[in-house]
C-alpha atoms as a PDB file:
ATOM      1  CA  MET A   1       4.459  19.123  18.679  1.00  0.00           C
ATOM      2  CA  THR A   2       5.708  20.751  15.487  1.00  0.00           C
ATOM      3  CA  ILE A   3       9.313  21.830  15.198  1.00  0.00           C
ATOM      4  CA  LYS A   4       9.539  25.622  15.160  1.00  0.00           C
ATOM      5  CA  ARG A   5      10.522  27.241  11.874  1.00  0.00           C
ATOM      6  CA  SER A   6      13.157  29.287  13.703  1.00  0.00           C
ATOM      7  CA  THR A   7      14.696  25.986  14.848  1.00  0.00           C
ATOM      8  CA  LEU A   8      14.637  24.655  11.285  1.00  0.00           C
ATOM      9  CA  LYS A   9      16.406  27.760   9.996  1.00  0.00           C
ATOM     10  CA  THR A  10      19.157  27.380  12.626  1.00  0.00           C
ATOM     11  CA  LEU A  11      19.452  23.643  11.863  1.00  0.00           C
ATOM     12  CA  TRP A  12      19.672  24.322   8.138  1.00  0.00           C
ATOM     13  CA  ALA A  13      22.314  27.025   8.523  1.00  0.00           C
ATOM     14  CA  ALA A  14      24.466  24.859  10.838  1.00  0.00           C
ATOM     15  CA  SER A  15      24.307  21.860   8.461  1.00  0.00           C
ATOM     16  CA  GLY A  16      26.213  23.620   5.692  1.00  0.00           C
ATOM     17  CA  ASN A  17      23.636  21.930   3.455  1.00  0.00           C
ATOM     18  CA  GLN A  18      25.190  18.533   4.027  1.00  0.00           C
ATOM     19  CA  CYS A  19      24.117  15.289   5.658  1.00  0.00           C
ATOM     20  CA  GLY A  20      25.296  15.132   9.270  1.00  0.00           C
ATOM     21  CA  HIS A  21      27.020  11.785   8.800  1.00  0.00           C
ATOM     22  CA  PRO A  22      30.773  12.637   8.745  1.00  0.00           C
ATOM     23  CA  ASP A  23      31.462  10.396   5.735  1.00  0.00           C
ATOM     24  CA  CYS A  24      28.540  11.674   3.623  1.00  0.00           C
ATOM     25  CA  GLU A  25      28.596  14.633   1.203  1.00  0.00           C
ATOM     26  CA  GLU A  26      24.928  14.406   0.225  1.00  0.00           C
ATOM     27  CA  GLU A  27      23.115  17.735   0.133  1.00  0.00           C
ATOM     28  CA  VAL A  28      20.148  18.405   2.389  1.00  0.00           C
ATOM     29  CA  ALA A  29      18.402  20.553  -0.178  1.00  0.00           C
ATOM     30  CA  ASP A  30      18.780  22.010  -3.636  1.00  0.00           C
ATOM     31  CA  PRO A  31      17.392  25.568  -3.413  1.00  0.00           C
ATOM     32  CA  GLU A  32      17.788  26.149  -7.138  1.00  0.00           C
ATOM     33  CA  GLN A  33      15.802  23.052  -8.058  1.00  0.00           C
ATOM     34  CA  LYS A  34      13.471  23.738  -5.109  1.00  0.00           C
ATOM     35  CA  ILE A  35      13.988  20.219  -3.821  1.00  0.00           C
ATOM     36  CA  VAL A  36      14.407  18.934  -0.226  1.00  0.00           C
ATOM     37  CA  ILE A  37      16.483  15.765  -0.142  1.00  0.00           C
ATOM     38  CA  GLY A  38      17.414  15.381   3.498  1.00  0.00           C
ATOM     39  CA  GLU A  39      15.337  14.552   6.547  1.00  0.00           C
ATOM     40  CA  ILE A  40      15.093  15.651  10.189  1.00  0.00           C
ATOM     41  CA  CYS A  41      16.436  13.060  12.563  1.00  0.00           C
ATOM     42  CA  HIS A  42      15.800  13.154  16.310  1.00  0.00           C
ATOM     43  CA  ILE A  43      18.939  12.259  18.255  1.00  0.00           C
ATOM     44  CA  ARG A  44      16.616  11.023  21.003  1.00  0.00           C
ATOM     45  CA  ALA A  45      13.402   9.527  19.665  1.00  0.00           C
ATOM     46  CA  GLN A  46      10.064  11.321  19.778  1.00  0.00           C
ATOM     47  CA  SER A  47       8.115   8.385  21.212  1.00  0.00           C
ATOM     48  CA  GLY A  48       8.595   5.506  23.605  1.00  0.00           C
ATOM     49  CA  GLY A  49      10.030   2.435  21.897  1.00  0.00           C
ATOM     50  CA  GLY A  50      11.710   4.557  19.248  1.00  0.00           C
ATOM     51  CA  PRO A  51      15.442   4.617  18.597  1.00  0.00           C
ATOM     52  CA  ARG A  52      17.443   6.268  21.385  1.00  0.00           C
ATOM     53  CA  HIS A  53      14.309   7.313  23.290  1.00  0.00           C
ATOM     54  CA  ASP A  54      14.857   9.385  26.425  1.00  0.00           C
ATOM     55  CA  PRO A  55      11.824   9.365  28.741  1.00  0.00           C
ATOM     56  CA  ASP A  56      13.160  12.326  30.719  1.00  0.00           C
ATOM     57  CA  LEU A  57      12.936  14.769  27.815  1.00  0.00           C
ATOM     58  CA  SER A  58       9.981  17.176  27.738  1.00  0.00           C
ATOM     59  CA  GLU A  59       8.033  17.809  24.514  1.00  0.00           C
ATOM     60  CA  ASP A  60       9.903  21.063  24.033  1.00  0.00           C
ATOM     61  CA  GLU A  61      13.273  19.369  24.535  1.00  0.00           C
ATOM     62  CA  VAL A  62      12.453  16.604  22.085  1.00  0.00           C
ATOM     63  CA  ASP A  63      11.922  19.108  19.257  1.00  0.00           C
ATOM     64  CA  ALA A  64      14.651  21.514  20.339  1.00  0.00           C
ATOM     65  CA  TYR A  65      17.647  22.338  18.129  1.00  0.00           C
ATOM     66  CA  SER A  66      19.990  20.395  20.426  1.00  0.00           C
ATOM     67  CA  ASN A  67      18.101  17.154  19.755  1.00  0.00           C
ATOM     68  CA  LEU A  68      17.952  17.444  15.988  1.00  0.00           C
ATOM     69  CA  ILE A  69      20.312  16.696  13.125  1.00  0.00           C
ATOM     70  CA  LEU A  70      19.781  16.755   9.354  1.00  0.00           C
ATOM     71  CA  LEU A  71      20.646  13.572   7.522  1.00  0.00           C
ATOM     72  CA  CYS A  72      20.231  12.173   4.022  1.00  0.00           C
ATOM     73  CA  PRO A  73      17.413   9.565   3.771  1.00  0.00           C
ATOM     74  CA  THR A  74      19.894   6.696   3.538  1.00  0.00           C
ATOM     75  CA  HIS A  75      21.764   7.504   6.732  1.00  0.00           C
ATOM     76  CA  HIS A  76      18.548   8.410   8.521  1.00  0.00           C
ATOM     77  CA  THR A  77      17.266   4.906   7.746  1.00  0.00           C
ATOM     78  CA  TYR A  78      20.461   3.103   8.775  1.00  0.00           C
ATOM     79  CA  ILE A  79      20.819   5.114  11.982  1.00  0.00           C
ATOM     80  CA  ASP A  80      17.266   4.579  13.156  1.00  0.00           C
ATOM     81  CA  LYS A  81      17.325   0.875  12.226  1.00  0.00           C
ATOM     82  CA  ASN A  82      20.584   0.368  14.164  1.00  0.00           C
ATOM     83  CA  PRO A  83      20.311   2.459  17.369  1.00  0.00           C
ATOM     84  CA  GLU A  84      22.778   0.213  19.193  1.00  0.00           C
ATOM     85  CA  GLU A  85      25.451   0.997  16.614  1.00  0.00           C
ATOM     86  CA  TYR A  86      24.559   4.692  16.265  1.00  0.00           C
ATOM     87  CA  THR A  87      24.361   6.033  19.806  1.00  0.00           C
ATOM     88  CA  ILE A  88      23.260   9.382  21.206  1.00  0.00           C
ATOM     89  CA  GLU A  89      26.927  10.197  21.810  1.00  0.00           C
ATOM     90  CA  ASP A  90      27.805   9.422  18.170  1.00  0.00           C
ATOM     91  CA  LEU A  91      25.079  11.687  16.781  1.00  0.00           C
ATOM     92  CA  GLU A  92      25.907  14.526  19.178  1.00  0.00           C
ATOM     93  CA  ARG A  93      29.574  14.296  18.163  1.00  0.00           C
ATOM     94  CA  TRP A  94      28.620  14.428  14.487  1.00  0.00           C
ATOM     95  CA  LYS A  95      26.452  17.446  15.128  1.00  0.00           C
ATOM     96  CA  GLN A  96      29.252  19.232  16.970  1.00  0.00           C
ATOM     97  CA  GLN A  97      31.717  18.476  14.160  1.00  0.00           C
ATOM     98  CA  GLN A  98      29.275  19.754  11.594  1.00  0.00           C
ATOM     99  CA  GLU A  99      28.723  22.976  13.500  1.00  0.00           C
ATOM    100  CA  GLU A 100      32.448  23.546  13.720  1.00  0.00           C
ATOM    101  CA  GLN A 101      33.176  22.791  10.043  1.00  0.00           C
ATOM    102  CA  ASN A 102      30.116  23.819   8.058  1.00  0.00           C
ATOM    103  CA  SER A 103      27.795  26.716   7.706  1.00  0.00           C
ATOM    104  CA  THR A 104      25.702  28.243   4.954  1.00  0.00           C
ATOM    105  CA  GLU A 105      24.372  31.752   4.466  1.00  0.00           C
ATOM    106  CA  THR A 106      21.844  30.557   1.870  1.00  0.00           C
ATOM    107  CA  GLU A 107      18.323  30.805   3.225  1.00  0.00           C
ATOM    108  CA  LEU A 108      15.598  28.256   2.485  1.00  0.00           C
ATOM    109  CA  SER A 109      12.389  29.565   1.021  1.00  0.00           C
ATOM    110  CA  ASP A 110       9.178  29.212   3.062  1.00  0.00           C
ATOM    111  CA  GLU A 111       8.105  26.480   0.652  1.00  0.00           C
ATOM    112  CA  LEU A 112      11.270  24.434   1.219  1.00  0.00           C
ATOM    113  CA  LEU A 113      11.147  25.026   4.988  1.00  0.00           C
ATOM    114  CA  THR A 114       7.651  23.571   4.988  1.00  0.00           C
ATOM    115  CA  GLU A 115       8.824  20.601   2.947  1.00  0.00           C
ATOM    116  CA  LEU A 116      11.689  20.037   5.353  1.00  0.00           C
ATOM    117  CA  GLN A 117       9.301  20.304   8.286  1.00  0.00           C
ATOM    118  CA  LEU A 118       7.193  17.524   6.789  1.00  0.00           C
ATOM    119  CA  THR A 119      10.093  15.099   6.747  1.00  0.00           C
ATOM    120  CA  ASP A 120       9.697  14.949  10.532  1.00  0.00           C
ATOM    121  CA  SER A 121       6.005  14.063  10.660  1.00  0.00           C
ATOM    122  CA  LYS A 122       6.299  11.201   8.148  1.00  0.00           C
ATOM    123  CA  LEU A 123       7.993   9.005  10.799  1.00  0.00           C
ATOM    124  CA  GLU A 124       5.582   9.692  13.641  1.00  0.00           C
ATOM    125  CA  THR A 125       3.528   6.527  13.392  1.00  0.00           C
ATOM    126  CA  GLU A 126       4.277   4.521  16.560  1.00  0.00           C
ATOM    127  CA  VAL A 127       2.105   6.247  19.113  1.00  0.00           C
ATOM    128  CA  GLU A 128      -0.614   7.205  16.561  1.00  0.00           C
ATOM    129  CA  VAL A 129      -1.015   3.588  15.491  1.00  0.00           C
ATOM    130  CA  SER A 130      -0.999   2.126  18.966  1.00  0.00           C
ATOM    131  CA  THR A 131      -3.232   4.763  20.507  1.00  0.00           C
ATOM    132  CA  SER A 132      -5.821   4.621  17.725  1.00  0.00           C
ATOM    133  CA  ASN A 133      -5.804   0.818  17.901  1.00  0.00           C
ATOM    134  CA  ALA A 134      -6.310   0.661  21.667  1.00  0.00           C
ATOM    135  CA  LYS A 135      -8.667   3.616  21.854  1.00  0.00           C
ATOM    136  CA  ASP A 136      -9.942   3.920  25.443  1.00  0.00           C
ATOM    137  CA  ARG A 137      -8.022   0.803  26.410  1.00  0.00           C
ATOM    138  CA  TYR A 138      -4.750   2.667  25.821  1.00  0.00           C
ATOM    139  CA  THR A 139      -2.211   2.946  28.624  1.00  0.00           C
ATOM    140  CA  PRO A 140       1.398   4.157  28.385  1.00  0.00           C
ATOM    141  CA  GLU A 141       2.635   0.695  29.344  1.00  0.00           C
ATOM    142  CA  LEU A 142       0.732  -0.926  26.460  1.00  0.00           C
ATOM    143  CA  HIS A 143       1.225   1.509  23.639  1.00  0.00           C
ATOM    144  CA  ILE A 144       4.330   0.072  22.054  1.00  0.00           C
ATOM    145  CA  ASP A 145       4.845  -3.284  23.746  1.00  0.00           C
ATOM    146  CA  THR A 146       3.645  -5.397  20.836  1.00  0.00           C
ATOM    147  CA  SER A 147       5.829  -8.316  21.940  1.00  0.00           C
ATOM    148  CA  ALA A 148       3.456  -8.895  24.875  1.00  0.00           C
ATOM    149  CA  SER A 149       0.285  -7.904  23.055  1.00  0.00           C
ATOM    150  CA  ASP A 150      -1.199 -11.383  23.196  1.00  0.00           C
ATOM    151  CA  ILE A 151      -1.968 -10.970  26.898  1.00  0.00           C
ATOM    152  CA  PHE A 152      -4.283  -8.038  26.243  1.00  0.00           C
ATOM    153  CA  GLU A 153      -7.795  -8.045  24.856  1.00  0.00           C
ATOM    154  CA  PRO A 154      -8.097  -7.704  21.057  1.00  0.00           C
ATOM    155  CA  LEU A 155      -7.398  -4.158  19.891  1.00  0.00           C
ATOM    156  CA  GLY A 156      -9.155  -4.436  16.527  1.00  0.00           C
ATOM    157  CA  ARG A 157      -8.973  -1.998  13.643  1.00  0.00           C
ATOM    158  CA  THR A 158     -10.489   1.363  14.388  1.00  0.00           C
ATOM    159  CA  GLN A 159     -11.475   3.856  11.711  1.00  0.00           C
ATOM    160  CA  ALA A 160      -8.500   6.047  12.604  1.00  0.00           C
ATOM    161  CA  PHE A 161      -6.193   3.041  12.254  1.00  0.00           C
ATOM    162  CA  ILE A 162      -7.607   2.157   8.804  1.00  0.00           C
ATOM    163  CA  GLU A 163      -7.279   5.760   7.626  1.00  0.00           C
ATOM    164  CA  ASN A 164      -3.670   5.764   8.805  1.00  0.00           C
ATOM    165  CA  VAL A 165      -2.918   2.729   6.620  1.00  0.00           C
ATOM    166  CA  GLU A 166      -4.792   4.188   3.647  1.00  0.00           C
ATOM    167  CA  ASN A 167      -2.941   7.486   3.924  1.00  0.00           C
ATOM    168  CA  GLN A 168       0.421   5.691   3.952  1.00  0.00           C
ATOM    169  CA  LEU A 169      -0.562   3.693   0.869  1.00  0.00           C
ATOM    170  CA  GLU A 170      -1.651   6.880  -0.862  1.00  0.00           C
ATOM    171  CA  ASP A 171       1.714   8.511  -0.055  1.00  0.00           C
ATOM    172  CA  LEU A 172       3.541   5.492  -1.427  1.00  0.00           C
ATOM    173  CA  ASN A 173       1.444   5.492  -4.579  1.00  0.00           C
ATOM    174  CA  ASP A 174       2.006   9.220  -5.161  1.00  0.00           C
ATOM    175  CA  GLU A 175       5.780   8.900  -4.804  1.00  0.00           C
ATOM    176  CA  ALA A 176       5.909   5.769  -6.929  1.00  0.00           C
ATOM    177  CA  SER A 177       3.885   7.487  -9.697  1.00  0.00           C
ATOM    178  CA  SER A 178       6.460  10.292  -9.685  1.00  0.00           C
ATOM    179  CA  LEU A 179       9.398   7.857  -9.868  1.00  0.00           C
ATOM    180  CA  PHE A 180       8.167   5.268 -12.335  1.00  0.00           C
ATOM    181  CA  THR A 181       8.050   7.473 -15.445  1.00  0.00           C
ATOM    182  CA  ASP A 182       9.851   6.606 -18.694  1.00  0.00           C
ATOM    183  CA  ASP A 183      12.827   8.915 -18.125  1.00  0.00           C
ATOM    184  CA  TYR A 184      13.425   7.857 -14.537  1.00  0.00           C
ATOM    185  CA  ILE A 185      12.831   4.163 -15.230  1.00  0.00           C
ATOM    186  CA  SER A 186      15.588   4.364 -17.894  1.00  0.00           C
ATOM    187  CA  VAL A 187      18.009   5.640 -15.270  1.00  0.00           C
ATOM    188  CA  LEU A 188      16.945   2.968 -12.765  1.00  0.00           C
ATOM    189  CA  GLU A 189      17.333   0.194 -15.345  1.00  0.00           C
ATOM    190  CA  GLU A 190      20.733   1.529 -16.359  1.00  0.00           C
ATOM    191  CA  THR A 191      21.693   1.347 -12.693  1.00  0.00           C
ATOM    192  CA  ASP A 192      20.397  -2.191 -11.971  1.00  0.00           C
ATOM    193  CA  GLU A 193      17.620  -3.626 -14.145  1.00  0.00           C
ATOM    194  CA  ASP A 194      16.836  -6.530 -11.774  1.00  0.00           C
ATOM    195  CA  ALA A 195      16.684  -4.320  -8.704  1.00  0.00           C
ATOM    196  CA  CYS A 196      14.452  -1.840 -10.575  1.00  0.00           C
ATOM    197  CA  LEU A 197      12.064  -4.630 -11.507  1.00  0.00           C
ATOM    198  CA  ASP A 198      12.032  -5.957  -7.922  1.00  0.00           C
ATOM    199  CA  LEU A 199      11.252  -2.505  -6.557  1.00  0.00           C
ATOM    200  CA  ARG A 200       8.397  -1.914  -9.006  1.00  0.00           C
ATOM    201  CA  GLU A 201       6.875  -5.332  -8.357  1.00  0.00           C
ATOM    202  CA  ALA A 202       7.063  -4.912  -4.608  1.00  0.00           C
ATOM    203  CA  VAL A 203       5.584  -1.397  -4.649  1.00  0.00           C
ATOM    204  CA  GLU A 204       2.716  -2.588  -6.818  1.00  0.00           C
ATOM    205  CA  LYS A 205       2.060  -5.604  -4.569  1.00  0.00           C
ATOM    206  CA  ILE A 206       1.995  -3.799  -1.179  1.00  0.00           C
ATOM    207  CA  PRO A 207      -1.469  -2.191  -1.728  1.00  0.00           C
ATOM    208  CA  GLU A 208      -2.852  -5.536  -2.882  1.00  0.00           C
ATOM    209  CA  LEU A 209      -1.768  -7.196   0.354  1.00  0.00           C
ATOM    210  CA  LEU A 210      -3.414  -4.448   2.399  1.00  0.00           C
ATOM    211  CA  GLN A 211      -6.574  -4.074   0.334  1.00  0.00           C
ATOM    212  CA  ASP A 212      -8.748  -5.781   2.990  1.00  0.00           C
ATOM    213  CA  ILE A 213      -7.549  -3.585   5.853  1.00  0.00           C
ATOM    214  CA  ASP A 214     -11.028  -2.008   6.137  1.00  0.00           C
ATOM    215  CA  GLN A 215     -12.670  -5.445   6.422  1.00  0.00           C
ATOM    216  CA  VAL A 216     -12.068  -6.194  10.101  1.00  0.00           C
ATOM    217  CA  PRO A 217     -12.694  -9.949   9.953  1.00  0.00           C
ATOM    218  CA  GLU A 218     -10.274 -10.410   7.063  1.00  0.00           C
ATOM    219  CA  GLU A 219      -6.756 -11.577   7.899  1.00  0.00           C
ATOM    220  CA  ILE A 220      -3.851  -9.593   6.407  1.00  0.00           C
ATOM    221  CA  PRO A 221      -1.080 -11.853   4.966  1.00  0.00           C
ATOM    222  CA  ILE A 222       1.542 -10.462   7.357  1.00  0.00           C
ATOM    223  CA  GLU A 223       4.348 -12.857   6.374  1.00  0.00           C
ATOM    224  CA  GLU A 224       3.921 -12.114   2.656  1.00  0.00           C
ATOM    225  CA  LEU A 225       3.627  -8.381   3.405  1.00  0.00           C
ATOM    226  CA  ASN A 226       6.888  -8.436   5.381  1.00  0.00           C
ATOM    227  CA  GLN A 227       8.632 -10.375   2.580  1.00  0.00           C
ATOM    228  CA  THR A 228       7.393  -7.873   0.019  1.00  0.00           C
ATOM    229  CA  LEU A 229       8.574  -4.893   2.106  1.00  0.00           C
ATOM    230  CA  LYS A 230      11.937  -6.589   2.566  1.00  0.00           C
ATOM    231  CA  LYS A 231      12.179  -7.154  -1.176  1.00  0.00           C
ATOM    232  CA  ALA A 232      11.506  -3.436  -1.782  1.00  0.00           C
ATOM    233  CA  ASP A 233      14.049  -2.444   0.878  1.00  0.00           C
ATOM    234  CA  GLU A 234      16.748  -4.693  -0.547  1.00  0.00           C
ATOM    235  CA  ALA A 235      16.116  -3.344  -4.044  1.00  0.00           C
ATOM    236  CA  THR A 236      16.574   0.229  -2.826  1.00  0.00           C
ATOM    237  CA  GLN A 237      19.838  -0.710  -1.148  1.00  0.00           C
ATOM    238  CA  GLU A 238      21.047  -2.212  -4.437  1.00  0.00           C
ATOM    239  CA  LEU A 239      20.068   0.888  -6.460  1.00  0.00           C
ATOM    240  CA  GLU A 240      21.142   3.719  -4.126  1.00  0.00           C
ATOM    241  CA  PRO A 241      24.973   3.634  -4.445  1.00  0.00           C
ATOM    242  CA  GLU A 242      24.996   3.571  -8.263  1.00  0.00           C
ATOM    243  CA  LEU A 243      22.301   6.248  -8.484  1.00  0.00           C
ATOM    244  CA  ARG A 244      24.493   8.505  -6.365  1.00  0.00           C
ATOM    245  CA  THR A 245      27.456   7.795  -8.648  1.00  0.00           C
ATOM    246  CA  LEU A 246      25.400   8.651 -11.773  1.00  0.00           C
ATOM    247  CA  LYS A 247      24.237  11.892 -10.153  1.00  0.00           C
ATOM    248  CA  GLN A 248      27.783  12.896  -9.276  1.00  0.00           C
ATOM    249  CA  GLU A 249      29.020  12.149 -12.814  1.00  0.00           C
ATOM    250  CA  ALA A 250      26.239  14.280 -14.254  1.00  0.00           C
ATOM    251  CA  GLU A 251      27.185  17.154 -11.966  1.00  0.00           C
ATOM    252  CA  GLU A 252      30.848  16.899 -12.951  1.00  0.00           C
ATOM    253  CA  GLU A 253      29.877  17.126 -16.608  1.00  0.00           C
ATOM    254  CA  THR A 254      27.639  20.127 -15.780  1.00  0.00           C
ATOM    255  CA  ARG A 255      24.848  18.729 -17.868  1.00  0.00           C
ATOM    256  CA  GLU A 256      21.079  18.582 -17.296  1.00  0.00           C
ATOM    257  CA  SER A 257      20.688  15.934 -14.645  1.00  0.00           C
ATOM    258  CA  THR A 258      17.846  13.472 -15.043  1.00  0.00           C
ATOM    259  CA  GLU A 259      19.911  11.316 -12.706  1.00  0.00           C
ATOM    260  CA  LYS A 260      19.575  13.912  -9.939  1.00  0.00           C
ATOM    261  CA  GLN A 261      15.813  14.054 -10.262  1.00  0.00           C
ATOM    262  CA  THR A 262      15.664  10.261 -10.354  1.00  0.00           C
ATOM    263  CA  LEU A 263      17.662  10.030  -7.148  1.00  0.00           C
ATOM    264  CA  TYR A 264      15.332  12.491  -5.439  1.00  0.00           C
ATOM    265  CA  HIS A 265      12.127  10.635  -6.398  1.00  0.00           C
ATOM    266  CA  PHE A 266      13.778   7.303  -5.677  1.00  0.00           C
ATOM    267  CA  ARG A 267      14.579   8.440  -2.156  1.00  0.00           C
ATOM    268  CA  GLN A 268      10.995   9.558  -1.601  1.00  0.00           C
ATOM    269  CA  VAL A 269       9.829   6.043  -2.506  1.00  0.00           C
ATOM    270  CA  ARG A 270      12.514   4.541  -0.287  1.00  0.00           C
ATOM    271  CA  SER A 271      11.351   6.666   2.653  1.00  0.00           C
ATOM    272  CA  GLU A 272       7.734   5.588   2.186  1.00  0.00           C
ATOM    273  CA  VAL A 273       8.802   1.922   2.071  1.00  0.00           C
ATOM    274  CA  TYR A 274      10.756   2.440   5.290  1.00  0.00           C
ATOM    275  CA  ASN A 275       7.765   4.134   6.940  1.00  0.00           C
ATOM    276  CA  LEU A 276       5.563   1.175   6.042  1.00  0.00           C
ATOM    277  CA  GLN A 277       8.163  -1.243   7.381  1.00  0.00           C
ATOM    278  CA  ARG A 278       8.225   0.520  10.699  1.00  0.00           C
ATOM    279  CA  PHE A 279       4.434   0.678  10.760  1.00  0.00           C
ATOM    280  CA  VAL A 280       4.018  -3.062  10.096  1.00  0.00           C
ATOM    281  CA  GLU A 281       6.655  -3.934  12.726  1.00  0.00           C
ATOM    282  CA  ARG A 282       4.761  -2.083  15.413  1.00  0.00           C
ATOM    283  CA  ALA A 283       1.109  -2.207  14.362  1.00  0.00           C
ATOM    284  CA  GLN A 284      -1.361  -4.977  15.203  1.00  0.00           C
ATOM    285  CA  LEU A 285      -2.784  -5.464  11.682  1.00  0.00           C
ATOM    286  CA  ASN A 286      -4.847  -8.546  12.438  1.00  0.00           C
ATOM    287  CA  PRO A 287      -7.511  -8.546  15.158  1.00  0.00           C
ATOM    288  CA  GLN A 288      -6.514 -10.980  17.867  1.00  0.00           C
ATOM    289  CA  THR A 289      -8.541 -13.589  19.593  1.00  0.00           C
ATOM    290  CA  ALA A 290      -8.766 -12.964  23.314  1.00  0.00           C
ATOM    291  CA  PRO A 291      -6.858 -15.611  25.276  1.00  0.00           C
ATOM    292  CA  GLY A 292      -9.177 -18.195  26.743  1.00  0.00           C
END
């Protein structure tokens, strides 16, 4: 189900154009630059096995205003990776505090509303991956329980599954192409040259490790892929704080901000890396041999 635009408008207005984390001052969007920075976070996850999933919620309730909060990409990542630390109660409290303290009368254009809407669909991979893998063998009990997957018959790689991987690689490539330009690379290298190099190397290597995904008999080097994704993730964590500092300094000096654009494109790459990490954690990339 797609989140209603009326819900997005209410969510945007209540956010005050700030990340919902109480200690974060990151903007959700820059209407003047026509850039969406933040992401939609579900307080209760959309799919079984997701962070803070509530099986009692209906489809309408999952995408209702009461179950949504706008966050910067960094806090969205940390919160969904650590659901035990960031509970439903925490997120609902943040949302209430934000509603009481912040509001904005600035309206988002239709273009930016659409871009904000798309930050939701980028993370919806769990059920799509599992269902397309299992095809007619799919059952609700099986769809996300990869820890016990060796007791089931091999799921294989369906065409839908392969296209899912290829689409994610294409998204990563598009965002990386936007980030790794001369101007933005200069900012990244000024921030942390080693981390910048690590990120570029990892982003270039990921497609190589998945190049045989359409060749069903071929094994995917899962361990090396996980290490490469971890390398990219660690590099983004090294770069993020200083990039934010450079952006703030540029804003204080009221000068043209290459740093701000760099941070935006950097966060798009970081989001795609995170999406792939979640995908690899849950997907069955290698066909299994049926237990004998």
